[in-house]
Amino acid sequence: MLGLYLIFGKDMTRKQILLYIVLFATCGIVVLVLVFAAFTRKAPTTSEGTPLPIPTKIEIDESHRPTPTLPPQTALSTIVSHIDNRQTLSPADLQVRQSLISNSNQTGVIAQKPTFTFHYSSDADVFQVEITTSNITTATSEALTWLHSQGLSDAGICNLPVVVFRDPKSFDPTITTGLEFYSLPLTCQ
């Protein structure tokens, strides 16, 4: 009370001093309640009011994790070898290559047939045959025939290079493997 008396002077009555004390105490309590509410968290609950479980961090021992074994993919290694060691195209095959690229649409599709789709990937500078049927032998033969009909020689097909793949998930959604790579029925040196 002495502090209020010093602040407001001698003219304050006891009622006014008591009123200021109650007012300051009320403000202090409100501030404390707000601070307490802001810094305490309530556990999240469901709509029924039951608390949600708190996620638990699980430690995985990497030394006991099995190493996946992948089947050898000779077609893929052959494709990679042809991409890494590209041979020069003949002038006729080079002209066909330029024609195929100029005929591709914005997504790179050059031709779409019932058993395959022929793409050009400008980022990788690679031609791709995506098999769209479960009969791989028929699709690869038809793709090879189509490439020959465009004017490419066997050496030109090998040196483009052409990557042949199939996404098995498009035929069976339960399959969890990635893309399958195949060779065209052609012997590339």
Foldseek 3Di string as FASTA:
>chain_A
DVVVCVVVHDPDDPVNVVVVVVVVVVVVVVVVVVVVVVPDDDADDDPVRHGDDDDDDDDDDPVPDDDDDDDDAPLVVLLVVLLVDADDDDPQLVVLLVVQQVCADPQQWRDDDPQWTWGADPVSQEIEIEGPDPPPLVSLQVVVVVVVVSPADLQSPSRSDYWYWYACCVVPVVDDDGIHTDDRPGDYD
